[in-house]
N, C-alpha and C. Protein backbone atom coordinates (compact mmCIF):
# COMPACT_ATOMS: atom_id res chain seq x y z
N MET A 1 7.99 -91.07 -86.49
CA MET A 1 7.40 -90.01 -85.71
C MET A 1 8.23 -89.80 -84.45
N PRO A 2 8.55 -88.54 -84.11
CA PRO A 2 9.35 -88.29 -82.91
C PRO A 2 8.57 -88.72 -81.66
N ASP A 3 9.32 -88.81 -80.54
CA ASP A 3 8.66 -89.17 -79.28
C ASP A 3 7.52 -88.21 -79.00
N LEU A 4 6.40 -88.77 -78.58
CA LEU A 4 5.22 -87.97 -78.29
C LEU A 4 5.13 -87.72 -76.79
N PRO A 5 4.51 -86.60 -76.40
CA PRO A 5 4.32 -86.32 -74.98
C PRO A 5 3.52 -87.46 -74.32
N GLN A 6 3.70 -87.62 -73.02
CA GLN A 6 3.10 -88.75 -72.33
C GLN A 6 1.75 -88.47 -71.67
N THR A 7 1.46 -87.23 -71.31
CA THR A 7 0.16 -86.97 -70.70
C THR A 7 -0.88 -86.75 -71.79
N LYS A 8 -2.13 -87.05 -71.47
CA LYS A 8 -3.19 -86.86 -72.45
C LYS A 8 -3.27 -85.41 -72.91
N LYS A 9 -3.17 -84.50 -71.98
CA LYS A 9 -3.29 -83.08 -72.31
C LYS A 9 -2.18 -82.63 -73.26
N GLN A 10 -0.95 -83.01 -72.98
CA GLN A 10 0.18 -82.66 -73.85
C GLN A 10 0.04 -83.33 -75.21
N LEU A 11 -0.32 -84.60 -75.20
CA LEU A 11 -0.46 -85.36 -76.44
C LEU A 11 -1.57 -84.76 -77.30
N ARG A 12 -2.69 -84.43 -76.68
CA ARG A 12 -3.82 -83.82 -77.40
C ARG A 12 -3.37 -82.53 -78.08
N ARG A 13 -2.67 -81.68 -77.36
CA ARG A 13 -2.21 -80.41 -77.90
C ARG A 13 -1.28 -80.63 -79.09
N THR A 14 -0.33 -81.54 -78.95
CA THR A 14 0.62 -81.83 -80.02
C THR A 14 -0.09 -82.36 -81.27
N LEU A 15 -0.99 -83.33 -81.07
CA LEU A 15 -1.66 -83.95 -82.22
C LEU A 15 -2.65 -83.00 -82.89
N LEU A 16 -3.34 -82.17 -82.11
CA LEU A 16 -4.25 -81.20 -82.72
C LEU A 16 -3.49 -80.18 -83.55
N THR A 17 -2.31 -79.78 -83.07
CA THR A 17 -1.47 -78.86 -83.85
C THR A 17 -1.08 -79.52 -85.17
N GLN A 18 -0.68 -80.79 -85.12
CA GLN A 18 -0.31 -81.51 -86.34
C GLN A 18 -1.50 -81.63 -87.29
N ARG A 19 -2.66 -81.95 -86.75
CA ARG A 19 -3.84 -82.13 -87.61
C ARG A 19 -4.24 -80.82 -88.27
N CYS A 20 -4.16 -79.73 -87.54
CA CYS A 20 -4.54 -78.43 -88.11
C CYS A 20 -3.55 -77.94 -89.16
N GLN A 21 -2.38 -78.57 -89.23
CA GLN A 21 -1.38 -78.20 -90.24
C GLN A 21 -1.53 -78.98 -91.54
N ILE A 22 -2.49 -79.90 -91.59
CA ILE A 22 -2.73 -80.63 -92.83
C ILE A 22 -3.27 -79.63 -93.87
N PRO A 23 -2.62 -79.50 -95.02
CA PRO A 23 -3.12 -78.58 -96.04
C PRO A 23 -4.54 -78.95 -96.47
N ASN A 24 -5.36 -77.95 -96.74
CA ASN A 24 -6.77 -78.15 -97.05
C ASN A 24 -6.99 -79.15 -98.18
N GLU A 25 -6.20 -79.06 -99.23
CA GLU A 25 -6.36 -79.97 -100.37
C GLU A 25 -6.10 -81.43 -99.95
N ILE A 26 -5.06 -81.64 -99.14
CA ILE A 26 -4.73 -82.99 -98.65
C ILE A 26 -5.84 -83.48 -97.72
N TRP A 27 -6.33 -82.60 -96.83
CA TRP A 27 -7.42 -82.94 -95.92
C TRP A 27 -8.66 -83.39 -96.70
N GLN A 28 -8.99 -82.67 -97.77
CA GLN A 28 -10.16 -83.04 -98.58
C GLN A 28 -9.95 -84.39 -99.27
N GLN A 29 -8.74 -84.62 -99.78
CA GLN A 29 -8.44 -85.90 -100.44
C GLN A 29 -8.54 -87.06 -99.45
N LYS A 30 -7.93 -86.88 -98.29
CA LYS A 30 -7.97 -87.93 -97.26
C LYS A 30 -9.41 -88.20 -96.83
N SER A 31 -10.19 -87.15 -96.67
CA SER A 31 -11.59 -87.30 -96.28
C SER A 31 -12.37 -88.06 -97.34
N GLN A 32 -12.13 -87.76 -98.61
CA GLN A 32 -12.82 -88.46 -99.71
C GLN A 32 -12.49 -89.95 -99.69
N VAL A 33 -11.21 -90.27 -99.54
CA VAL A 33 -10.79 -91.67 -99.51
C VAL A 33 -11.42 -92.38 -98.31
N GLN A 34 -11.45 -91.69 -97.17
CA GLN A 34 -12.04 -92.29 -95.98
C GLN A 34 -13.54 -92.54 -96.16
N CYS A 35 -14.24 -91.60 -96.76
CA CYS A 35 -15.67 -91.80 -97.04
C CYS A 35 -15.87 -93.00 -97.96
N ASP A 36 -15.03 -93.14 -98.97
CA ASP A 36 -15.13 -94.29 -99.87
C ASP A 36 -14.90 -95.60 -99.13
N ARG A 37 -13.92 -95.61 -98.23
CA ARG A 37 -13.63 -96.83 -97.45
C ARG A 37 -14.83 -97.21 -96.59
N ILE A 38 -15.41 -96.21 -95.93
CA ILE A 38 -16.56 -96.48 -95.08
C ILE A 38 -17.73 -96.96 -95.93
N ALA A 39 -17.96 -96.31 -97.06
CA ALA A 39 -19.08 -96.68 -97.95
C ALA A 39 -18.97 -98.12 -98.45
N ASN A 40 -17.76 -98.61 -98.61
CA ASN A 40 -17.54 -99.97 -99.10
C ASN A 40 -17.48 -101.01 -97.99
N TRP A 41 -17.54 -100.58 -96.75
CA TRP A 41 -17.47 -101.46 -95.59
C TRP A 41 -18.82 -102.16 -95.42
N HIS A 42 -18.83 -103.47 -95.34
CA HIS A 42 -20.08 -104.22 -95.27
C HIS A 42 -20.94 -103.81 -94.06
N ILE A 43 -20.33 -103.46 -92.96
CA ILE A 43 -21.10 -103.02 -91.77
C ILE A 43 -21.87 -101.75 -92.10
N PHE A 44 -21.22 -100.80 -92.78
CA PHE A 44 -21.90 -99.57 -93.16
C PHE A 44 -23.01 -99.86 -94.16
N GLN A 45 -22.72 -100.70 -95.14
CA GLN A 45 -23.71 -101.00 -96.17
C GLN A 45 -24.98 -101.60 -95.58
N GLU A 46 -24.84 -102.40 -94.53
CA GLU A 46 -25.98 -103.04 -93.90
C GLU A 46 -26.66 -102.14 -92.87
N ALA A 47 -25.96 -101.13 -92.39
CA ALA A 47 -26.49 -100.25 -91.33
C ALA A 47 -27.66 -99.41 -91.85
N LYS A 48 -28.66 -99.29 -91.01
CA LYS A 48 -29.81 -98.45 -91.34
C LYS A 48 -29.84 -97.19 -90.50
N LYS A 49 -29.47 -97.31 -89.21
CA LYS A 49 -29.44 -96.18 -88.29
C LYS A 49 -28.00 -95.91 -87.87
N ILE A 50 -27.53 -94.70 -88.20
CA ILE A 50 -26.12 -94.36 -87.98
C ILE A 50 -26.03 -93.05 -87.21
N LEU A 51 -25.17 -93.02 -86.21
CA LEU A 51 -24.84 -91.78 -85.51
C LEU A 51 -23.51 -91.29 -86.06
N ALA A 52 -23.42 -90.01 -86.32
CA ALA A 52 -22.21 -89.46 -86.96
C ALA A 52 -21.86 -88.11 -86.33
N PHE A 53 -20.86 -87.46 -86.90
CA PHE A 53 -20.40 -86.17 -86.41
C PHE A 53 -20.08 -85.26 -87.59
N THR A 54 -20.07 -83.97 -87.32
CA THR A 54 -19.64 -83.01 -88.33
C THR A 54 -18.19 -82.66 -88.06
N SER A 55 -17.43 -82.45 -89.10
CA SER A 55 -16.00 -82.20 -88.98
C SER A 55 -15.71 -80.91 -88.21
N PHE A 56 -14.73 -81.00 -87.33
CA PHE A 56 -14.32 -79.89 -86.48
C PHE A 56 -12.80 -79.93 -86.36
N ARG A 57 -12.15 -78.82 -86.58
CA ARG A 57 -10.69 -78.73 -86.44
C ARG A 57 -9.95 -79.79 -87.25
N GLN A 58 -10.31 -79.88 -88.54
CA GLN A 58 -9.63 -80.80 -89.47
C GLN A 58 -9.88 -82.28 -89.18
N GLU A 59 -10.97 -82.61 -88.48
CA GLU A 59 -11.35 -84.02 -88.38
C GLU A 59 -11.71 -84.48 -89.79
N PRO A 60 -11.70 -85.79 -90.03
CA PRO A 60 -12.18 -86.25 -91.33
C PRO A 60 -13.58 -85.70 -91.61
N ASP A 61 -13.79 -85.25 -92.83
CA ASP A 61 -15.08 -84.69 -93.24
C ASP A 61 -15.91 -85.80 -93.85
N LEU A 62 -16.97 -86.19 -93.16
CA LEU A 62 -17.83 -87.29 -93.60
C LEU A 62 -19.06 -86.81 -94.35
N SER A 63 -19.14 -85.54 -94.66
CA SER A 63 -20.35 -85.00 -95.29
C SER A 63 -20.67 -85.68 -96.62
N GLN A 64 -19.67 -86.07 -97.37
CA GLN A 64 -19.93 -86.77 -98.63
C GLN A 64 -20.63 -88.10 -98.38
N LEU A 65 -20.31 -88.71 -97.26
CA LEU A 65 -20.89 -90.01 -96.93
C LEU A 65 -22.38 -89.89 -96.67
N TRP A 66 -22.79 -88.97 -95.81
CA TRP A 66 -24.22 -88.88 -95.52
C TRP A 66 -24.99 -88.29 -96.68
N GLN A 67 -24.34 -87.47 -97.51
CA GLN A 67 -25.02 -86.95 -98.70
C GLN A 67 -25.27 -88.06 -99.71
N ARG A 68 -24.32 -88.98 -99.87
CA ARG A 68 -24.47 -90.10 -100.79
C ARG A 68 -25.49 -91.12 -100.30
N PHE A 69 -25.65 -91.21 -99.00
CA PHE A 69 -26.53 -92.22 -98.41
C PHE A 69 -27.61 -91.56 -97.56
N SER A 70 -28.30 -90.62 -98.17
CA SER A 70 -29.33 -89.87 -97.45
C SER A 70 -30.55 -90.74 -97.12
N ASP A 71 -30.60 -91.94 -97.70
CA ASP A 71 -31.72 -92.85 -97.41
C ASP A 71 -31.56 -93.54 -96.06
N LYS A 72 -30.37 -93.50 -95.47
CA LYS A 72 -30.16 -94.06 -94.14
C LYS A 72 -30.69 -93.06 -93.11
N THR A 73 -30.95 -93.53 -91.91
CA THR A 73 -31.38 -92.65 -90.82
C THR A 73 -30.13 -92.17 -90.10
N TRP A 74 -29.92 -90.85 -90.10
CA TRP A 74 -28.71 -90.25 -89.53
C TRP A 74 -29.04 -89.47 -88.26
N GLY A 75 -28.19 -89.65 -87.26
CA GLY A 75 -28.31 -88.89 -86.03
C GLY A 75 -27.03 -88.11 -85.77
N PHE A 76 -27.19 -86.90 -85.26
CA PHE A 76 -26.05 -86.05 -84.91
C PHE A 76 -26.27 -85.53 -83.49
N SER A 77 -25.17 -85.29 -82.79
CA SER A 77 -25.30 -84.92 -81.39
C SER A 77 -25.25 -83.41 -81.18
N ARG A 78 -25.83 -83.05 -80.05
CA ARG A 78 -25.81 -81.68 -79.55
C ARG A 78 -25.34 -81.78 -78.11
N CYS A 79 -24.41 -80.91 -77.72
CA CYS A 79 -23.91 -80.90 -76.34
C CYS A 79 -24.86 -80.09 -75.47
N VAL A 80 -25.37 -80.73 -74.43
CA VAL A 80 -26.24 -80.06 -73.47
C VAL A 80 -25.65 -80.34 -72.09
N ASP A 81 -25.20 -79.28 -71.44
CA ASP A 81 -24.46 -79.40 -70.18
C ASP A 81 -23.28 -80.35 -70.42
N LYS A 82 -23.29 -81.52 -69.80
CA LYS A 82 -22.17 -82.45 -69.99
C LYS A 82 -22.60 -83.71 -70.74
N ASP A 83 -23.73 -83.61 -71.43
CA ASP A 83 -24.28 -84.78 -72.12
C ASP A 83 -24.36 -84.57 -73.63
N LEU A 84 -24.37 -85.68 -74.36
CA LEU A 84 -24.65 -85.67 -75.79
C LEU A 84 -26.13 -86.02 -75.98
N ILE A 85 -26.85 -85.16 -76.67
CA ILE A 85 -28.24 -85.39 -77.01
C ILE A 85 -28.28 -85.61 -78.52
N TRP A 86 -28.85 -86.72 -78.95
CA TRP A 86 -28.83 -87.10 -80.36
C TRP A 86 -30.16 -86.75 -81.03
N HIS A 87 -30.06 -86.08 -82.19
CA HIS A 87 -31.23 -85.70 -82.97
C HIS A 87 -31.19 -86.36 -84.33
N LYS A 88 -32.37 -86.73 -84.81
CA LYS A 88 -32.50 -87.25 -86.17
C LYS A 88 -32.45 -86.05 -87.11
N VAL A 89 -31.59 -86.14 -88.12
CA VAL A 89 -31.41 -85.03 -89.06
C VAL A 89 -31.71 -85.51 -90.47
N ALA A 90 -32.67 -84.85 -91.12
CA ALA A 90 -32.97 -85.16 -92.52
C ALA A 90 -31.84 -84.57 -93.37
N ILE A 91 -31.13 -85.42 -94.05
CA ILE A 91 -29.97 -84.99 -94.83
C ILE A 91 -30.39 -84.05 -95.96
N THR A 92 -31.58 -84.23 -96.50
CA THR A 92 -32.04 -83.37 -97.58
C THR A 92 -32.18 -81.91 -97.13
N ASP A 93 -32.37 -81.69 -95.83
CA ASP A 93 -32.46 -80.33 -95.27
C ASP A 93 -31.33 -80.08 -94.28
N PHE A 94 -30.18 -80.70 -94.51
CA PHE A 94 -29.08 -80.67 -93.55
C PHE A 94 -28.70 -79.24 -93.15
N GLU A 95 -28.45 -78.40 -94.13
CA GLU A 95 -27.96 -77.05 -93.82
C GLU A 95 -28.95 -76.25 -92.98
N SER A 96 -30.24 -76.38 -93.25
CA SER A 96 -31.21 -75.62 -92.47
C SER A 96 -31.48 -76.25 -91.10
N ASN A 97 -31.08 -77.51 -90.92
CA ASN A 97 -31.30 -78.20 -89.65
C ASN A 97 -30.13 -78.11 -88.68
N MET A 98 -29.04 -77.52 -89.11
CA MET A 98 -27.84 -77.47 -88.28
C MET A 98 -27.45 -76.01 -87.98
N ARG A 99 -26.83 -75.80 -86.81
CA ARG A 99 -26.36 -74.49 -86.39
C ARG A 99 -24.98 -74.62 -85.77
N SER A 100 -24.17 -73.58 -85.92
CA SER A 100 -22.87 -73.54 -85.26
C SER A 100 -23.11 -73.22 -83.78
N ARG A 101 -22.60 -74.08 -82.91
CA ARG A 101 -22.85 -73.94 -81.47
C ARG A 101 -21.53 -73.85 -80.70
N ALA A 102 -21.52 -74.46 -79.54
CA ALA A 102 -20.36 -74.41 -78.65
C ALA A 102 -19.08 -74.80 -79.39
N PHE A 103 -18.06 -74.03 -79.19
CA PHE A 103 -16.74 -74.27 -79.78
C PHE A 103 -16.75 -74.20 -81.30
N GLY A 104 -17.83 -73.72 -81.92
CA GLY A 104 -17.93 -73.65 -83.37
C GLY A 104 -18.30 -74.96 -84.03
N ILE A 105 -18.79 -75.92 -83.23
CA ILE A 105 -19.18 -77.22 -83.76
C ILE A 105 -20.59 -77.12 -84.34
N LEU A 106 -20.76 -77.68 -85.53
CA LEU A 106 -22.06 -77.71 -86.18
C LEU A 106 -22.92 -78.76 -85.48
N GLU A 107 -24.06 -78.33 -84.93
CA GLU A 107 -24.95 -79.22 -84.18
C GLU A 107 -26.37 -79.09 -84.69
N PRO A 108 -27.20 -80.12 -84.46
CA PRO A 108 -28.61 -80.04 -84.88
C PRO A 108 -29.36 -78.98 -84.09
N CYS A 109 -30.36 -78.40 -84.73
CA CYS A 109 -31.24 -77.45 -84.04
C CYS A 109 -31.94 -78.18 -82.90
N HIS A 110 -32.17 -77.47 -81.81
CA HIS A 110 -32.74 -78.09 -80.61
C HIS A 110 -34.16 -78.61 -80.80
N ASP A 111 -34.88 -78.09 -81.80
CA ASP A 111 -36.27 -78.50 -81.98
C ASP A 111 -36.44 -79.69 -82.94
N LEU A 112 -35.34 -80.24 -83.43
CA LEU A 112 -35.44 -81.44 -84.28
C LEU A 112 -35.82 -82.64 -83.41
N PRO A 113 -36.46 -83.65 -84.00
CA PRO A 113 -36.84 -84.82 -83.20
C PRO A 113 -35.62 -85.53 -82.62
N LEU A 114 -35.78 -86.02 -81.41
CA LEU A 114 -34.71 -86.80 -80.80
C LEU A 114 -34.57 -88.12 -81.55
N MET A 115 -33.35 -88.58 -81.63
CA MET A 115 -33.06 -89.85 -82.30
C MET A 115 -33.31 -90.99 -81.31
N SER A 116 -34.08 -91.97 -81.72
CA SER A 116 -34.24 -93.16 -80.90
C SER A 116 -32.90 -93.89 -80.89
N LEU A 117 -32.38 -94.14 -79.72
CA LEU A 117 -31.06 -94.77 -79.62
C LEU A 117 -31.13 -96.29 -79.51
N GLU A 118 -32.34 -96.82 -79.70
CA GLU A 118 -32.48 -98.26 -79.76
C GLU A 118 -32.19 -98.71 -81.19
N ASP A 119 -31.59 -99.84 -81.31
CA ASP A 119 -31.30 -100.43 -82.62
C ASP A 119 -30.37 -99.58 -83.48
N ILE A 120 -29.47 -98.85 -82.86
CA ILE A 120 -28.44 -98.14 -83.63
C ILE A 120 -27.50 -99.19 -84.19
N ASP A 121 -27.22 -99.10 -85.46
CA ASP A 121 -26.35 -100.09 -86.10
C ASP A 121 -24.88 -99.70 -86.03
N LEU A 122 -24.60 -98.40 -86.18
CA LEU A 122 -23.22 -97.95 -86.32
C LEU A 122 -23.07 -96.56 -85.72
N ILE A 123 -21.97 -96.36 -85.00
CA ILE A 123 -21.64 -95.05 -84.44
C ILE A 123 -20.27 -94.65 -84.98
N LEU A 124 -20.23 -93.57 -85.75
CA LEU A 124 -18.97 -93.03 -86.28
C LEU A 124 -18.51 -91.97 -85.29
N ILE A 125 -17.36 -92.22 -84.66
CA ILE A 125 -16.94 -91.43 -83.51
C ILE A 125 -15.69 -90.61 -83.83
N PRO A 126 -15.73 -89.30 -83.57
CA PRO A 126 -14.55 -88.47 -83.79
C PRO A 126 -13.51 -88.72 -82.70
N ALA A 127 -12.27 -88.42 -83.03
CA ALA A 127 -11.19 -88.58 -82.06
C ALA A 127 -10.01 -87.71 -82.49
N VAL A 128 -9.19 -87.36 -81.53
CA VAL A 128 -7.91 -86.71 -81.83
C VAL A 128 -6.95 -87.79 -82.31
N ALA A 129 -6.99 -88.95 -81.65
CA ALA A 129 -6.16 -90.09 -82.03
C ALA A 129 -6.80 -91.36 -81.48
N CYS A 130 -6.37 -92.50 -82.02
CA CYS A 130 -6.77 -93.80 -81.51
C CYS A 130 -5.54 -94.68 -81.47
N ASP A 131 -5.61 -95.76 -80.68
CA ASP A 131 -4.47 -96.66 -80.67
C ASP A 131 -4.87 -98.05 -81.16
N ARG A 132 -3.89 -98.91 -81.32
CA ARG A 132 -4.09 -100.24 -81.90
C ARG A 132 -4.98 -101.12 -81.03
N ARG A 133 -5.16 -100.74 -79.76
CA ARG A 133 -6.03 -101.50 -78.85
C ARG A 133 -7.48 -101.04 -78.97
N GLY A 134 -7.72 -99.93 -79.69
CA GLY A 134 -9.08 -99.42 -79.85
C GLY A 134 -9.41 -98.24 -78.97
N TYR A 135 -8.47 -97.80 -78.14
CA TYR A 135 -8.74 -96.65 -77.27
C TYR A 135 -8.62 -95.36 -78.07
N ARG A 136 -9.43 -94.37 -77.68
CA ARG A 136 -9.43 -93.07 -78.36
C ARG A 136 -8.99 -91.98 -77.40
N LEU A 137 -8.40 -90.97 -77.98
CA LEU A 137 -8.08 -89.73 -77.28
C LEU A 137 -9.03 -88.69 -77.82
N GLY A 138 -9.90 -88.18 -76.96
CA GLY A 138 -10.86 -87.17 -77.36
C GLY A 138 -10.34 -85.77 -77.05
N TYR A 139 -11.26 -84.84 -76.97
CA TYR A 139 -10.89 -83.45 -76.72
C TYR A 139 -10.77 -83.11 -75.24
N GLY A 140 -11.12 -84.05 -74.37
CA GLY A 140 -10.94 -83.82 -72.94
C GLY A 140 -12.20 -83.43 -72.20
N GLY A 141 -13.32 -83.29 -72.89
CA GLY A 141 -14.56 -82.91 -72.23
C GLY A 141 -15.31 -84.09 -71.62
N GLY A 142 -14.99 -85.31 -72.04
CA GLY A 142 -15.61 -86.50 -71.50
C GLY A 142 -17.00 -86.81 -72.03
N PHE A 143 -17.47 -86.08 -73.05
CA PHE A 143 -18.82 -86.31 -73.57
C PHE A 143 -18.99 -87.76 -74.04
N TYR A 144 -18.08 -88.23 -74.87
CA TYR A 144 -18.19 -89.60 -75.37
C TYR A 144 -17.86 -90.61 -74.27
N ASP A 145 -16.91 -90.29 -73.39
CA ASP A 145 -16.58 -91.21 -72.29
C ASP A 145 -17.81 -91.50 -71.43
N ARG A 146 -18.63 -90.50 -71.20
CA ARG A 146 -19.84 -90.69 -70.39
C ARG A 146 -20.93 -91.42 -71.17
N TRP A 147 -21.00 -91.17 -72.47
CA TRP A 147 -22.10 -91.69 -73.28
C TRP A 147 -21.86 -93.10 -73.81
N LEU A 148 -20.64 -93.41 -74.22
CA LEU A 148 -20.36 -94.68 -74.90
C LEU A 148 -20.70 -95.94 -74.09
N PRO A 149 -20.47 -95.98 -72.78
CA PRO A 149 -20.76 -97.23 -72.06
C PRO A 149 -22.22 -97.68 -72.15
N CYS A 150 -23.15 -96.75 -72.35
CA CYS A 150 -24.57 -97.15 -72.41
C CYS A 150 -25.12 -97.09 -73.83
N SER A 151 -24.24 -96.99 -74.82
CA SER A 151 -24.69 -96.90 -76.21
C SER A 151 -24.73 -98.28 -76.87
N GLN A 152 -25.54 -98.37 -77.92
CA GLN A 152 -25.65 -99.60 -78.71
C GLN A 152 -25.05 -99.35 -80.09
N GLY A 153 -24.68 -100.43 -80.76
CA GLY A 153 -24.17 -100.31 -82.12
C GLY A 153 -22.66 -100.50 -82.18
N ILE A 154 -22.17 -100.74 -83.37
CA ILE A 154 -20.73 -100.89 -83.58
C ILE A 154 -20.10 -99.52 -83.47
N LYS A 155 -19.08 -99.41 -82.63
CA LYS A 155 -18.42 -98.15 -82.35
C LYS A 155 -17.13 -98.05 -83.17
N ALA A 156 -17.12 -97.13 -84.14
CA ALA A 156 -15.98 -96.99 -85.05
C ALA A 156 -15.32 -95.63 -84.88
N GLY A 157 -14.06 -95.63 -84.46
CA GLY A 157 -13.29 -94.39 -84.37
C GLY A 157 -12.88 -93.97 -85.78
N ILE A 158 -13.05 -92.69 -86.08
CA ILE A 158 -12.75 -92.17 -87.42
C ILE A 158 -11.60 -91.17 -87.30
N ILE A 159 -10.44 -91.55 -87.81
CA ILE A 159 -9.25 -90.70 -87.74
C ILE A 159 -8.42 -90.86 -89.02
N PHE A 160 -7.50 -89.94 -89.23
CA PHE A 160 -6.52 -90.10 -90.30
C PHE A 160 -5.41 -91.02 -89.79
N ASP A 161 -4.80 -91.75 -90.70
CA ASP A 161 -3.82 -92.77 -90.35
C ASP A 161 -2.66 -92.24 -89.50
N GLN A 162 -2.23 -91.03 -89.73
CA GLN A 162 -1.09 -90.51 -88.96
C GLN A 162 -1.41 -90.36 -87.48
N PHE A 163 -2.70 -90.46 -87.13
CA PHE A 163 -3.12 -90.34 -85.72
C PHE A 163 -3.56 -91.69 -85.14
N TYR A 164 -3.18 -92.75 -85.86
CA TYR A 164 -3.43 -94.12 -85.40
C TYR A 164 -2.14 -94.59 -84.76
N LEU A 165 -2.06 -94.51 -83.44
CA LEU A 165 -0.83 -94.72 -82.70
C LEU A 165 -0.78 -96.12 -82.09
N GLU A 166 0.41 -96.54 -81.68
CA GLU A 166 0.56 -97.85 -81.06
C GLU A 166 -0.19 -97.92 -79.73
N VAL A 167 0.09 -96.96 -78.84
CA VAL A 167 -0.51 -96.98 -77.51
C VAL A 167 -0.77 -95.55 -77.05
N LEU A 168 -1.96 -95.33 -76.52
CA LEU A 168 -2.32 -94.05 -75.92
C LEU A 168 -2.37 -94.21 -74.40
N PRO A 169 -2.11 -93.13 -73.68
CA PRO A 169 -2.34 -93.21 -72.23
C PRO A 169 -3.84 -93.38 -71.99
N THR A 170 -4.20 -94.21 -71.02
CA THR A 170 -5.62 -94.45 -70.74
C THR A 170 -5.91 -94.25 -69.26
N GLU A 171 -7.18 -94.06 -68.99
CA GLU A 171 -7.69 -93.93 -67.63
C GLU A 171 -8.64 -95.11 -67.40
N PRO A 172 -8.97 -95.41 -66.14
CA PRO A 172 -9.87 -96.55 -65.86
C PRO A 172 -11.23 -96.45 -66.55
N TRP A 173 -11.72 -95.25 -66.81
CA TRP A 173 -13.04 -95.10 -67.43
C TRP A 173 -13.00 -95.19 -68.95
N ASP A 174 -11.83 -95.19 -69.55
CA ASP A 174 -11.73 -95.31 -71.00
C ASP A 174 -12.18 -96.70 -71.44
N MET A 175 -12.92 -96.73 -72.53
CA MET A 175 -13.32 -98.03 -73.06
C MET A 175 -12.91 -98.13 -74.53
N PRO A 176 -12.44 -99.28 -74.96
CA PRO A 176 -12.01 -99.42 -76.35
C PRO A 176 -13.21 -99.43 -77.30
N LEU A 177 -12.97 -98.92 -78.50
CA LEU A 177 -13.96 -98.95 -79.57
C LEU A 177 -13.88 -100.31 -80.26
N ASP A 178 -14.89 -100.60 -81.07
CA ASP A 178 -14.91 -101.89 -81.78
C ASP A 178 -13.94 -101.92 -82.95
N THR A 179 -13.76 -100.77 -83.60
CA THR A 179 -12.87 -100.72 -84.76
C THR A 179 -12.43 -99.28 -84.98
N ILE A 180 -11.35 -99.13 -85.71
CA ILE A 180 -10.82 -97.81 -86.08
C ILE A 180 -10.76 -97.80 -87.61
N ILE A 181 -11.23 -96.70 -88.21
CA ILE A 181 -11.21 -96.59 -89.66
C ILE A 181 -10.38 -95.36 -90.04
N THR A 182 -9.38 -95.59 -90.88
CA THR A 182 -8.54 -94.52 -91.40
C THR A 182 -8.72 -94.48 -92.92
N GLU A 183 -7.99 -93.58 -93.54
CA GLU A 183 -8.07 -93.48 -95.00
C GLU A 183 -7.16 -94.49 -95.69
N ILE A 184 -6.37 -95.22 -94.94
CA ILE A 184 -5.44 -96.19 -95.53
C ILE A 184 -5.92 -97.62 -95.27
């Protein structure tokens, strides 16, 4: 991989451009393999309450995962001002419970029940990139940076392998995730 830009903003722009250039068929294949890896992970198998995300801008698509495991309790976030608000979403009614909101991100309807954030077993976290130390590069809004320090559960960054870098630039408020899961 050629030298990458050094600032978060430049790096984010470069990596998002690369991710959006992944052909749709390859993106679907990578997403399928990643869902299979997560499904076979003992932490996921034991988890009962999981927080997840809907794919945006060629992020890994985890929809096959929650469709296969609709018996688990799933929570999805909604952006309200500068905060993430988590709602419990019944997977059997997923399409009717979700709406396209800010930035075109699929979010739960505001009238769905709030997700109890106690006893969360696993948090599947989107990222532009992650590094070998567990740090993530997000979209720059700080939603997860503000929320993660007070969250419970195993924090797993979900990215494609080409975005798993040696070292990312970090700020004092960045906190490492517990694990990173790729399709490889």
